[in-house]
Amino acid sequence: MNKRELIDAITAVNPSATREFLLEFSERELSDYMRQLDSLGLTRSDFHGSGVSDAQPNTGEPESMGRPDVIVC
């Protein structure tokens, strides 16, 4: 695959990877990343709708037990 085809394939599986970001990498690096995605058997649904794209960063702060009105001090 050429660089454009690799970027198309990667964004089809991982829509959070923007074209602008991927353009910064060499064709070899993109090919290596695509091989990793393929070896893991990842599909677009693995990045959308399964919690991967909805994951919240771990801030190290205690959780408020799901209640937005509770402030943890």
PDB file of N, CA and C in Angstrom:
ATOM      1  N   MET A   1       0.843  -1.189   0.000  1.00  0.00           N
ATOM      2  CA  MET A   1       0.000   0.000   0.000  1.00  0.00           C
ATOM      3  C   MET A   1       0.880   1.241   0.000  1.00  0.00           C
ATOM      4  N   ASN A   2       0.405   2.266  -0.664  1.00  0.00           N
ATOM      5  CA  ASN A   2       1.122   3.533  -0.584  1.00  0.00           C
ATOM      6  C   ASN A   2       0.620   4.314   0.637  1.00  0.00           C
ATOM      7  N   LYS A   3       1.228   5.459   0.896  1.00  0.00           N
ATOM      8  CA  LYS A   3       0.933   6.226   2.108  1.00  0.00           C
ATOM      9  C   LYS A   3      -0.546   6.615   2.190  1.00  0.00           C
ATOM     10  N   ARG A   4      -1.123   7.064   1.087  1.00  0.00           N
ATOM     11  CA  ARG A   4      -2.538   7.455   1.083  1.00  0.00           C
ATOM     12  C   ARG A   4      -3.438   6.273   1.408  1.00  0.00           C
ATOM     13  N   GLU A   5      -3.137   5.115   0.833  1.00  0.00           N
ATOM     14  CA  GLU A   5      -3.927   3.914   1.093  1.00  0.00           C
ATOM     15  C   GLU A   5      -3.792   3.469   2.548  1.00  0.00           C
ATOM     16  N   LEU A   6      -2.591   3.577   3.093  1.00  0.00           N
ATOM     17  CA  LEU A   6      -2.378   3.225   4.500  1.00  0.00           C
ATOM     18  C   LEU A   6      -3.179   4.138   5.422  1.00  0.00           C
ATOM     19  N   ILE A   7      -3.154   5.422   5.137  1.00  0.00           N
ATOM     20  CA  ILE A   7      -3.908   6.381   5.955  1.00  0.00           C
ATOM     21  C   ILE A   7      -5.401   6.091   5.861  1.00  0.00           C
ATOM     22  N   ASP A   8      -5.894   5.786   4.666  1.00  0.00           N
ATOM     23  CA  ASP A   8      -7.306   5.440   4.505  1.00  0.00           C
ATOM     24  C   ASP A   8      -7.654   4.195   5.311  1.00  0.00           C
ATOM     25  N   ALA A   9      -6.794   3.186   5.265  1.00  0.00           N
ATOM     26  CA  ALA A   9      -7.036   1.936   5.983  1.00  0.00           C
ATOM     27  C   ALA A   9      -7.003   2.154   7.495  1.00  0.00           C
ATOM     28  N   ILE A  10      -6.042   2.936   7.960  1.00  0.00           N
ATOM     29  CA  ILE A  10      -5.915   3.191   9.406  1.00  0.00           C
ATOM     30  C   ILE A  10      -7.115   3.974   9.910  1.00  0.00           C
ATOM     31  N   THR A  11      -7.522   5.019   9.200  1.00  0.00           N
ATOM     32  CA  THR A  11      -8.662   5.817   9.663  1.00  0.00           C
ATOM     33  C   THR A  11      -9.971   5.046   9.568  1.00  0.00           C
ATOM     34  N   ALA A  12     -10.031   4.044   8.693  1.00  0.00           N
ATOM     35  CA  ALA A  12     -11.227   3.195   8.633  1.00  0.00           C
ATOM     36  C   ALA A  12     -11.361   2.355   9.895  1.00  0.00           C
ATOM     37  N   VAL A  13     -10.229   1.957  10.470  1.00  0.00           N
ATOM     38  CA  VAL A  13     -10.241   1.149  11.689  1.00  0.00           C
ATOM     39  C   VAL A  13     -10.219   2.038  12.924  1.00  0.00           C
ATOM     40  N   ASN A  14      -9.395   3.082  12.901  1.00  0.00           N
ATOM     41  CA  ASN A  14      -9.222   3.963  14.053  1.00  0.00           C
ATOM     42  C   ASN A  14      -9.578   5.395  13.658  1.00  0.00           C
ATOM     43  N   PRO A  15     -10.859   5.754  13.734  1.00  0.00           N
ATOM     44  CA  PRO A  15     -11.272   7.096  13.314  1.00  0.00           C
ATOM     45  C   PRO A  15     -10.733   8.223  14.195  1.00  0.00           C
ATOM     46  N   SER A  16     -10.194   7.895  15.355  1.00  0.00           N
ATOM     47  CA  SER A  16      -9.625   8.945  16.197  1.00  0.00           C
ATOM     48  C   SER A  16      -8.259   9.395  15.690  1.00  0.00           C
ATOM     49  N   ALA A  17      -7.661   8.620  14.792  1.00  0.00           N
ATOM     50  CA  ALA A  17      -6.385   9.009  14.175  1.00  0.00           C
ATOM     51  C   ALA A  17      -6.705   9.901  12.981  1.00  0.00           C
ATOM     52  N   THR A  18      -6.400  11.170  13.098  1.00  0.00           N
ATOM     53  CA  THR A  18      -6.727  12.100  12.017  1.00  0.00           C
ATOM     54  C   THR A  18      -5.726  11.997  10.876  1.00  0.00           C
ATOM     55  N   ARG A  19      -6.181  12.350   9.697  1.00  0.00           N
ATOM     56  CA  ARG A  19      -5.318  12.339   8.516  1.00  0.00           C
ATOM     57  C   ARG A  19      -4.116  13.257   8.732  1.00  0.00           C
ATOM     58  N   GLU A  20      -4.360  14.418   9.321  1.00  0.00           N
ATOM     59  CA  GLU A  20      -3.286  15.382   9.550  1.00  0.00           C
ATOM     60  C   GLU A  20      -2.203  14.779  10.445  1.00  0.00           C
ATOM     61  N   PHE A  21      -2.626  14.084  11.484  1.00  0.00           N
ATOM     62  CA  PHE A  21      -1.686  13.440  12.399  1.00  0.00           C
ATOM     63  C   PHE A  21      -0.906  12.346  11.676  1.00  0.00           C
ATOM     64  N   LEU A  22      -1.605  11.501  10.933  1.00  0.00           N
ATOM     65  CA  LEU A  22      -0.959  10.376  10.259  1.00  0.00           C
ATOM     66  C   LEU A  22       0.003  10.824   9.165  1.00  0.00           C
ATOM     67  N   LEU A  23      -0.255  11.969   8.559  1.00  0.00           N
ATOM     68  CA  LEU A  23       0.646  12.480   7.518  1.00  0.00           C
ATOM     69  C   LEU A  23       2.047  12.780   8.047  1.00  0.00           C
ATOM     70  N   GLU A  24       2.183  12.922   9.360  1.00  0.00           N
ATOM     71  CA  GLU A  24       3.481  13.209   9.966  1.00  0.00           C
ATOM     72  C   GLU A  24       4.402  11.984   9.965  1.00  0.00           C
ATOM     73  N   PHE A  25       3.845  10.799   9.734  1.00  0.00           N
ATOM     74  CA  PHE A  25       4.619   9.566   9.803  1.00  0.00           C
ATOM     75  C   PHE A  25       5.057   9.102   8.420  1.00  0.00           C
ATOM     76  N   SER A  26       6.143   8.358   8.400  1.00  0.00           N
ATOM     77  CA  SER A  26       6.633   7.806   7.133  1.00  0.00           C
ATOM     78  C   SER A  26       5.733   6.655   6.698  1.00  0.00           C
ATOM     79  N   GLU A  27       5.846   6.282   5.441  1.00  0.00           N
ATOM     80  CA  GLU A  27       5.089   5.156   4.916  1.00  0.00           C
ATOM     81  C   GLU A  27       5.417   3.879   5.696  1.00  0.00           C
ATOM     82  N   ARG A  28       6.673   3.715   6.044  1.00  0.00           N
ATOM     83  CA  ARG A  28       7.089   2.520   6.809  1.00  0.00           C
ATOM     84  C   ARG A  28       6.442   2.494   8.193  1.00  0.00           C
ATOM     85  N   GLU A  29       6.430   3.632   8.861  1.00  0.00           N
ATOM     86  CA  GLU A  29       5.814   3.695  10.188  1.00  0.00           C
ATOM     87  C   GLU A  29       4.314   3.407  10.116  1.00  0.00           C
ATOM     88  N   LEU A  30       3.661   3.952   9.106  1.00  0.00           N
ATOM     89  CA  LEU A  30       2.230   3.702   8.925  1.00  0.00           C
ATOM     90  C   LEU A  30       1.972   2.229   8.627  1.00  0.00           C
ATOM     91  N   SER A  31       2.837   1.646   7.817  1.00  0.00           N
ATOM     92  CA  SER A  31       2.707   0.232   7.480  1.00  0.00           C
ATOM     93  C   SER A  31       2.871  -0.635   8.737  1.00  0.00           C
ATOM     94  N   ASP A  32       3.840  -0.287   9.569  1.00  0.00           N
ATOM     95  CA  ASP A  32       4.050  -1.013  10.824  1.00  0.00           C
ATOM     96  C   ASP A  32       2.817  -0.907  11.723  1.00  0.00           C
ATOM     97  N   TYR A  33       2.250   0.291  11.819  1.00  0.00           N
ATOM     98  CA  TYR A  33       1.064   0.497  12.657  1.00  0.00           C
ATOM     99  C   TYR A  33      -0.125  -0.293  12.108  1.00  0.00           C
ATOM    100  N   MET A  34      -0.289  -0.283  10.787  1.00  0.00           N
ATOM    101  CA  MET A  34      -1.386  -1.027  10.177  1.00  0.00           C
ATOM    102  C   MET A  34      -1.236  -2.517  10.440  1.00  0.00           C
ATOM    103  N   ARG A  35      -0.007  -3.013  10.397  1.00  0.00           N
ATOM    104  CA  ARG A  35       0.239  -4.428  10.708  1.00  0.00           C
ATOM    105  C   ARG A  35      -0.141  -4.739  12.152  1.00  0.00           C
ATOM    106  N   GLN A  36       0.148  -3.805  13.056  1.00  0.00           N
ATOM    107  CA  GLN A  36      -0.227  -4.005  14.467  1.00  0.00           C
ATOM    108  C   GLN A  36      -1.748  -4.068  14.612  1.00  0.00           C
ATOM    109  N   LEU A  37      -2.438  -3.152  13.952  1.00  0.00           N
ATOM    110  CA  LEU A  37      -3.903  -3.167  14.012  1.00  0.00           C
ATOM    111  C   LEU A  37      -4.441  -4.485  13.454  1.00  0.00           C
ATOM    112  N   ASP A  38      -3.879  -4.912  12.326  1.00  0.00           N
ATOM    113  CA  ASP A  38      -4.311  -6.168  11.707  1.00  0.00           C
ATOM    114  C   ASP A  38      -4.042  -7.357  12.622  1.00  0.00           C
ATOM    115  N   SER A  39      -2.869  -7.376  13.250  1.00  0.00           N
ATOM    116  CA  SER A  39      -2.511  -8.520  14.098  1.00  0.00           C
ATOM    117  C   SER A  39      -3.397  -8.607  15.331  1.00  0.00           C
ATOM    118  N   LEU A  40      -3.922  -7.467  15.772  1.00  0.00           N
ATOM    119  CA  LEU A  40      -4.823  -7.447  16.922  1.00  0.00           C
ATOM    120  C   LEU A  40      -6.258  -7.746  16.528  1.00  0.00           C
ATOM    121  N   GLY A  41      -6.511  -7.743  15.219  1.00  0.00           N
ATOM    122  CA  GLY A  41      -7.860  -8.013  14.740  1.00  0.00           C
ATOM    123  C   GLY A  41      -8.838  -6.904  15.065  1.00  0.00           C
ATOM    124  N   LEU A  42      -8.331  -5.682  15.196  1.00  0.00           N
ATOM    125  CA  LEU A  42      -9.190  -4.560  15.552  1.00  0.00           C
ATOM    126  C   LEU A  42     -10.050  -4.134  14.375  1.00  0.00           C
ATOM    127  N   THR A  43     -11.270  -3.700  14.700  1.00  0.00           N
ATOM    128  CA  THR A  43     -12.180  -3.150  13.704  1.00  0.00           C
ATOM    129  C   THR A  43     -12.626  -1.787  14.185  1.00  0.00           C
ATOM    130  N   ARG A  44     -13.328  -1.075  13.329  1.00  0.00           N
ATOM    131  CA  ARG A  44     -13.811   0.260  13.693  1.00  0.00           C
ATOM    132  C   ARG A  44     -14.657   0.207  14.962  1.00  0.00           C
ATOM    133  N   SER A  45     -15.441  -0.854  15.140  1.00  0.00           N
ATOM    134  CA  SER A  45     -16.304  -0.939  16.319  1.00  0.00           C
ATOM    135  C   SER A  45     -15.498  -1.085  17.605  1.00  0.00           C
ATOM    136  N   ASP A  46     -14.234  -1.522  17.499  1.00  0.00           N
ATOM    137  CA  ASP A  46     -13.391  -1.598  18.682  1.00  0.00           C
ATOM    138  C   ASP A  46     -13.028  -0.207  19.197  1.00  0.00           C
ATOM    139  N   PHE A  47     -13.103   0.793  18.329  1.00  0.00           N
ATOM    140  CA  PHE A  47     -12.783   2.165  18.722  1.00  0.00           C
ATOM    141  C   PHE A  47     -14.037   2.991  18.974  1.00  0.00           C
ATOM    142  N   HIS A  48     -15.192   2.562  18.433  1.00  0.00           N
ATOM    143  CA  HIS A  48     -16.454   3.293  18.607  1.00  0.00           C
ATOM    144  C   HIS A  48     -17.504   2.369  19.175  1.00  0.00           C
ATOM    145  N   GLY A  49     -18.184   2.815  20.195  1.00  0.00           N
ATOM    146  CA  GLY A  49     -19.296   2.083  20.741  1.00  0.00           C
ATOM    147  C   GLY A  49     -18.921   1.001  21.737  1.00  0.00           C
ATOM    148  N   SER A  50     -17.646   0.773  21.939  1.00  0.00           N
ATOM    149  CA  SER A  50     -17.261  -0.268  22.883  1.00  0.00           C
ATOM    150  C   SER A  50     -16.640   0.304  24.142  1.00  0.00           C
ATOM    151  N   GLY A  51     -16.639   1.620  24.257  1.00  0.00           N
ATOM    152  CA  GLY A  51     -16.066   2.243  25.440  1.00  0.00           C
ATOM    153  C   GLY A  51     -14.665   2.767  25.216  1.00  0.00           C
ATOM    154  N   VAL A  52     -13.974   2.327  24.167  1.00  0.00           N
ATOM    155  CA  VAL A  52     -12.611   2.794  23.926  1.00  0.00           C
ATOM    156  C   VAL A  52     -12.612   4.290  23.667  1.00  0.00           C
ATOM    157  N   SER A  53     -13.490   4.742  22.769  1.00  0.00           N
ATOM    158  CA  SER A  53     -13.504   6.169  22.447  1.00  0.00           C
ATOM    159  C   SER A  53     -14.174   6.992  23.548  1.00  0.00           C
ATOM    160  N   ASP A  54     -14.958   6.321  24.420  1.00  0.00           N
ATOM    161  CA  ASP A  54     -15.655   7.022  25.479  1.00  0.00           C
ATOM    162  C   ASP A  54     -14.886   7.010  26.794  1.00  0.00           C
ATOM    163  N   ALA A  55     -13.738   6.388  26.810  1.00  0.00           N
ATOM    164  CA  ALA A  55     -12.976   6.235  28.050  1.00  0.00           C
ATOM    165  C   ALA A  55     -12.554   7.603  28.579  1.00  0.00           C
ATOM    166  N   GLN A  56     -12.634   7.746  29.881  1.00  0.00           N
ATOM    167  CA  GLN A  56     -12.221   8.982  30.529  1.00  0.00           C
ATOM    168  C   GLN A  56     -10.813   8.801  31.082  1.00  0.00           C
ATOM    169  N   PRO A  57     -10.000   9.833  31.020  1.00  0.00           N
ATOM    170  CA  PRO A  57      -8.646   9.715  31.557  1.00  0.00           C
ATOM    171  C   PRO A  57      -8.675   9.500  33.060  1.00  0.00           C
ATOM    172  N   ASN A  58      -7.728   8.766  33.562  1.00  0.00           N
ATOM    173  CA  ASN A  58      -7.600   8.542  34.993  1.00  0.00           C
ATOM    174  C   ASN A  58      -6.859   9.734  35.582  1.00  0.00           C
ATOM    175  N   THR A  59      -7.581  10.534  36.342  1.00  0.00           N
ATOM    176  CA  THR A  59      -6.983  11.753  36.906  1.00  0.00           C
ATOM    177  C   THR A  59      -6.392  11.504  38.277  1.00  0.00           C
ATOM    178  N   GLY A  60      -6.614  10.309  38.820  1.00  0.00           N
ATOM    179  CA  GLY A  60      -6.123  10.019  40.157  1.00  0.00           C
ATOM    180  C   GLY A  60      -7.041  10.524  41.241  1.00  0.00           C
ATOM    181  N   GLU A  61      -8.111  11.215  40.860  1.00  0.00           N
ATOM    182  CA  GLU A  61      -9.079  11.736  41.816  1.00  0.00           C
ATOM    183  C   GLU A  61     -10.101  10.663  42.138  1.00  0.00           C
ATOM    184  N   PRO A  62     -10.590  10.614  43.372  1.00  0.00           N
ATOM    185  CA  PRO A  62     -11.641   9.657  43.719  1.00  0.00           C
ATOM    186  C   PRO A  62     -12.900   9.928  42.911  1.00  0.00           C
ATOM    187  N   GLU A  63     -13.628   8.872  42.618  1.00  0.00           N
ATOM    188  CA  GLU A  63     -14.871   9.029  41.874  1.00  0.00           C
ATOM    189  C   GLU A  63     -15.988   9.453  42.811  1.00  0.00           C
ATOM    190  N   SER A  64     -17.015  10.085  42.265  1.00  0.00           N
ATOM    191  CA  SER A  64     -18.141  10.544  43.072  1.00  0.00           C
ATOM    192  C   SER A  64     -19.301   9.561  43.010  1.00  0.00           C
ATOM    193  N   MET A  65     -19.003   8.294  42.761  1.00  0.00           N
ATOM    194  CA  MET A  65     -20.006   7.236  42.729  1.00  0.00           C
ATOM    195  C   MET A  65     -21.061   7.503  41.668  1.00  0.00           C
ATOM    196  N   GLY A  66     -20.696   8.156  40.582  1.00  0.00           N
ATOM    197  CA  GLY A  66     -21.618   8.375  39.479  1.00  0.00           C
ATOM    198  C   GLY A  66     -22.610   9.499  39.690  1.00  0.00           C
ATOM    199  N   ARG A  67     -22.478  10.212  40.781  1.00  0.00           N
ATOM    200  CA  ARG A  67     -23.415  11.305  41.063  1.00  0.00           C
ATOM    201  C   ARG A  67     -22.729  12.628  40.750  1.00  0.00           C
ATOM    202  N   PRO A  68     -23.189  13.317  39.692  1.00  0.00           N
ATOM    203  CA  PRO A  68     -22.540  14.581  39.321  1.00  0.00           C
ATOM    204  C   PRO A  68     -22.714  15.690  40.336  1.00  0.00           C
ATOM    205  N   ASP A  69     -23.692  15.538  41.249  1.00  0.00           N
ATOM    206  CA  ASP A  69     -23.921  16.590  42.243  1.00  0.00           C
ATOM    207  C   ASP A  69     -23.053  16.414  43.494  1.00  0.00           C
ATOM    208  N   VAL A  70     -22.254  15.337  43.544  1.00  0.00           N
ATOM    209  CA  VAL A  70     -21.415  15.080  44.713  1.00  0.00           C
ATOM    210  C   VAL A  70     -20.005  15.573  44.420  1.00  0.00           C
ATOM    211  N   ILE A  71     -19.474  16.374  45.310  1.00  0.00           N
ATOM    212  CA  ILE A  71     -18.114  16.881  45.173  1.00  0.00           C
ATOM    213  C   ILE A  71     -17.249  16.130  46.172  1.00  0.00           C
ATOM    214  N   VAL A  72     -16.203  15.490  45.674  1.00  0.00           N
ATOM    215  CA  VAL A  72     -15.305  14.741  46.552  1.00  0.00           C
ATOM    216  C   VAL A  72     -14.186  15.658  46.978  1.00  0.00           C
ATOM    217  N   CYS A  73     -13.997  15.783  48.297  1.00  0.00           N
ATOM    218  CA  CYS A  73     -12.941  16.656  48.827  1.00  0.00           C
ATOM    219  C   CYS A  73     -11.777  15.857  49.340  1.00  0.00           C
TER     220      CYS A  73
END
